Structures are given as structure tokens and as C-alpha cells.
Amino acid sequence: MQQEIRFRRLTEDDLDRMHRWLNTPHVMRWYSPGGRTRAQVEQEFGPYIRREKPTEPYLILYGNTPIGYIQTYRINHWPEYARHIGVDDDTAGVDVFIGEPEFVGRGLGPAAIRAFMRQVVFGSFGARSCVIGPEEGNLAAIRAYEKAGFRFWKRADVPGEPAPEYLMRMTPEDLQA
């Protein structure tokens, strides 16, 4: 990668970009089925930005260009989800997508995830493990997560989700491997 991958906390000024990304066909397919209105984007991400909900939201920057979104959270801060997947208190969750179509399929996803794990999830956030839960049919995401160092852990039925989650797990040791 010629340019550096960096992260910047999501701000209110980024919500129009998030609205555009969440309504892009490749993001809608797995991350936001049916898309989102601008008001729904504000309702979902505004509390994260204002630190009213326990999720840390970031833009993925390639050089100075915002190309995607990534967030982390302590799974036990979302008790119902934690109960359904069964994790300990030191486990983080992560969600990610590349929003800019011209940056999809270029290997930036795994690189961004590895950097985010190193700098944020296992760095400043201090988690001892991390879980990500793509749908089983999202083979491109599963391959990207494997390239980043995640390994299959288990399947979990989560109420409100359209299909079982294909849970993948990573530890700091996995990241070093």
C-alpha cells in the first residue's frame, strides 16, 4: 500500500458521507439492507459521535481520503447480544465496511482491520479478544476477515438478525501471527 491507512473519529460533519455510503449497493447488501434515510443515519450514529452510547465510531482514511467506516465496542455493553453469543468481559466487537466503491476489492479491508486491531481494539481500547459476525453468505467479508487474522469461532442465532452470524474471533496473539 503506497498510502498510509489511518483512522479518525466520526463527526457530525461525516453524516452526509455515511448516508451516501449506507445507500451504496455493495454496502446495502450486507450492512444496511434497504438503505437508510438521512434521519436514520443521524439517529443511529449521532449517539456514538456524542458518546451517548458505548460504541467508538471511526472513518477509515487511505492517505487523506475517507474510504470506509469501522467501529468497536465492548460486547458486554450490549447485554442482549452478549448473552446470545457468550463472551467474556474483555471481548470487543467490530463492524466495518468500505464505502467508496472504487476502493472495494483492492486489499484495503484486511489492511485496515489489522491496523485498527493493533492501534485501537488491542491498543487504546485494551480488549483481550475481538469478535466479528458476518452473515455466512458474505464470503468476500469472511475472506477479508481471515486475511486480517480472524478465525471461525462458532455460529450464533441472534434475535433481529436475518440469518445466523458466522462469528469469527481474533486475539492479540492471532494478530501477531
Protein backbone atom coordinates (compact mmCIF):
# COMPACT_ATOMS: atom_id res chain seq x y z
CA MET A 1 0.00 0.00 0.00
CA GLN A 2 1.59 3.20 -1.09
CA GLN A 3 -0.53 5.39 1.14
CA GLU A 4 -1.00 5.01 4.87
CA ILE A 5 -4.22 3.73 6.40
CA ARG A 6 -5.33 5.89 9.30
CA PHE A 7 -8.44 6.37 11.42
CA ARG A 8 -10.35 9.44 12.53
CA ARG A 9 -13.30 9.57 14.89
CA LEU A 10 -16.61 10.05 13.10
CA THR A 11 -18.08 13.57 13.45
CA GLU A 12 -21.43 15.18 12.70
CA ASP A 13 -19.84 16.56 9.51
CA ASP A 14 -19.42 12.97 8.26
CA LEU A 15 -23.11 12.03 8.41
CA ASP A 16 -23.86 13.02 4.80
CA ARG A 17 -21.00 10.77 3.67
CA MET A 18 -22.29 7.95 5.89
CA HIS A 19 -25.77 8.41 4.40
CA ARG A 20 -24.31 8.11 0.89
CA TRP A 21 -22.26 5.05 1.80
CA LEU A 22 -25.13 3.27 3.56
CA ASN A 23 -27.19 3.66 0.38
CA THR A 24 -24.49 2.32 -1.94
CA PRO A 25 -25.50 -1.12 -3.34
CA HIS A 26 -22.43 -3.02 -2.08
CA VAL A 27 -22.90 -1.65 1.47
CA MET A 28 -26.69 -2.07 1.46
CA ARG A 29 -26.35 -5.74 0.57
CA TRP A 30 -24.74 -6.73 3.88
CA TYR A 31 -24.53 -3.73 6.22
CA SER A 32 -27.70 -1.73 5.65
CA PRO A 33 -30.35 -3.78 3.83
CA GLY A 34 -32.95 -1.41 2.43
CA GLY A 35 -30.65 1.59 2.95
CA ARG A 36 -31.07 4.40 5.46
CA THR A 37 -32.67 7.84 5.36
CA ARG A 38 -30.55 10.79 6.45
CA ALA A 39 -32.65 10.97 9.66
CA GLN A 40 -31.98 7.27 10.36
CA VAL A 41 -28.24 7.84 9.90
CA GLU A 42 -28.36 10.69 12.43
CA GLN A 43 -30.42 8.58 14.84
CA GLU A 44 -28.01 5.62 14.61
CA PHE A 45 -24.62 7.34 14.54
CA GLY A 46 -25.31 10.62 16.37
CA PRO A 47 -25.31 8.98 19.83
CA TYR A 48 -21.94 7.34 19.05
CA ILE A 49 -20.47 10.65 17.95
CA ARG A 50 -21.77 12.40 21.09
CA ARG A 51 -20.57 9.46 23.27
CA GLU A 52 -24.12 8.78 24.47
CA LYS A 53 -23.86 5.10 23.51
CA PRO A 54 -20.84 2.82 24.11
CA THR A 55 -19.65 2.44 20.53
CA GLU A 56 -16.47 4.05 19.17
CA PRO A 57 -17.06 5.17 15.53
CA TYR A 58 -14.23 5.87 13.06
CA LEU A 59 -13.70 6.69 9.42
CA ILE A 60 -11.05 4.68 7.60
CA LEU A 61 -8.71 7.04 5.75
CA TYR A 62 -6.46 5.96 2.91
CA GLY A 63 -3.97 8.79 2.82
CA ASN A 64 -6.33 11.71 3.37
CA THR A 65 -9.29 10.10 1.58
CA PRO A 66 -12.17 8.70 3.65
CA ILE A 67 -12.88 5.25 2.19
CA GLY A 68 -14.92 3.44 4.83
CA TYR A 69 -16.28 3.06 8.32
CA ILE A 70 -15.19 0.95 11.29
CA GLN A 71 -16.50 0.81 14.85
CA THR A 72 -15.69 -1.04 18.04
CA TYR A 73 -17.49 -1.62 21.31
CA ARG A 74 -17.32 -3.83 24.38
CA ILE A 75 -19.77 -6.62 23.66
CA ASN A 76 -20.88 -6.74 27.31
CA HIS A 77 -22.13 -3.14 26.94
CA TRP A 78 -24.85 -4.62 24.70
CA PRO A 79 -26.15 -7.28 27.17
CA GLU A 80 -28.72 -8.98 24.97
CA TYR A 81 -26.21 -9.50 22.16
CA ALA A 82 -23.56 -10.65 24.67
CA ARG A 83 -25.97 -13.20 26.12
CA HIS A 84 -26.70 -14.69 22.70
CA ILE A 85 -23.09 -15.08 21.64
CA GLY A 86 -21.49 -15.85 25.04
CA VAL A 87 -18.29 -13.87 25.51
CA ASP A 88 -16.22 -12.62 28.45
CA ASP A 89 -15.98 -9.03 29.66
CA ASP A 90 -12.74 -8.28 27.81
CA THR A 91 -14.18 -9.01 24.36
CA ALA A 92 -14.70 -6.25 21.82
CA GLY A 93 -16.87 -6.34 18.76
CA VAL A 94 -16.06 -4.69 15.47
CA ASP A 95 -18.09 -3.77 12.39
CA VAL A 96 -16.59 -2.46 9.17
CA PHE A 97 -17.31 -1.61 5.56
CA ILE A 98 -15.50 0.05 2.69
CA GLY A 99 -17.93 2.71 1.48
CA GLU A 100 -16.21 4.10 -1.60
CA PRO A 101 -16.85 1.68 -4.50
CA GLU A 102 -13.51 2.36 -6.20
CA PHE A 103 -11.67 1.11 -3.09
CA VAL A 104 -13.56 -2.22 -2.83
CA GLY A 105 -11.58 -5.34 -3.79
CA ARG A 106 -8.16 -3.68 -3.52
CA GLY A 107 -7.00 -5.42 -0.33
CA LEU A 108 -7.58 -2.36 1.82
CA GLY A 109 -10.17 -4.04 4.07
CA PRO A 110 -7.82 -6.59 5.65
CA ALA A 111 -5.06 -3.97 5.96
CA ALA A 112 -7.44 -1.51 7.62
CA ILE A 113 -8.78 -4.16 10.00
CA ARG A 114 -5.27 -5.23 11.06
CA ALA A 115 -4.23 -1.62 11.65
CA PHE A 116 -7.44 -0.91 13.60
CA MET A 117 -6.94 -4.03 15.75
CA ARG A 118 -3.36 -3.04 16.52
CA GLN A 119 -3.97 0.67 17.17
CA VAL A 120 -7.46 0.75 18.66
CA VAL A 121 -9.04 -2.57 19.69
CA PHE A 122 -5.94 -4.17 21.25
CA GLY A 123 -4.18 -0.82 21.67
CA SER A 124 -6.02 2.11 23.24
CA PHE A 125 -9.25 0.14 23.82
CA GLY A 126 -7.39 -2.68 25.62
CA ALA A 127 -9.55 -5.64 24.59
CA ARG A 128 -8.16 -9.17 25.02
CA SER A 129 -10.17 -10.63 22.15
CA CYS A 130 -12.38 -9.36 19.36
CA VAL A 131 -15.37 -10.87 17.58
CA ILE A 132 -16.88 -10.03 14.21
CA GLY A 133 -20.10 -11.58 12.92
CA PRO A 134 -20.70 -11.56 9.17
CA GLU A 135 -23.57 -13.47 7.62
CA GLU A 136 -22.47 -16.89 6.35
CA GLY A 137 -23.23 -15.88 2.78
CA ASN A 138 -20.94 -12.86 2.86
CA LEU A 139 -17.96 -14.80 1.54
CA ALA A 140 -15.95 -11.73 0.48
CA ALA A 141 -16.11 -10.32 4.01
CA ILE A 142 -15.25 -13.69 5.56
CA ARG A 143 -12.17 -13.97 3.31
CA ALA A 144 -11.14 -10.41 4.19
CA TYR A 145 -11.53 -11.12 7.91
CA GLU A 146 -9.48 -14.32 7.57
CA LYS A 147 -6.74 -12.37 5.78
CA ALA A 148 -6.79 -9.89 8.68
CA GLY A 149 -6.31 -12.74 11.21
CA PHE A 150 -9.83 -13.65 12.34
CA ARG A 151 -10.71 -17.35 12.57
CA PHE A 152 -14.09 -19.08 12.65
CA TRP A 153 -15.32 -19.42 16.24
CA LYS A 154 -18.99 -20.50 16.12
CA ARG A 155 -22.42 -19.81 14.64
CA ALA A 156 -24.99 -17.90 16.68
CA ASP A 157 -28.66 -17.14 16.19
CA VAL A 158 -29.19 -13.52 17.22
CA PRO A 159 -32.75 -12.19 17.51
CA GLY A 160 -33.40 -9.46 14.97
CA GLU A 161 -30.71 -10.68 12.59
CA PRO A 162 -31.92 -12.09 9.24
CA ALA A 163 -29.56 -15.08 9.35
CA PRO A 164 -27.23 -16.78 11.84
CA GLU A 165 -24.00 -14.90 12.46
CA TYR A 166 -20.79 -16.60 11.39
CA LEU A 167 -18.78 -15.48 14.39
CA MET A 168 -15.06 -15.05 13.93
CA ARG A 169 -12.60 -14.29 16.71
CA MET A 170 -9.16 -12.70 16.98
CA THR A 171 -6.75 -12.27 19.90
CA PRO A 172 -3.62 -10.10 20.06
CA GLU A 173 -1.62 -13.31 19.52
CA ASP A 174 -3.56 -14.01 16.30
CA LEU A 175 -2.73 -10.51 15.10
CA GLN A 176 0.99 -11.14 15.66
CA ALA A 177 0.92 -14.46 13.76
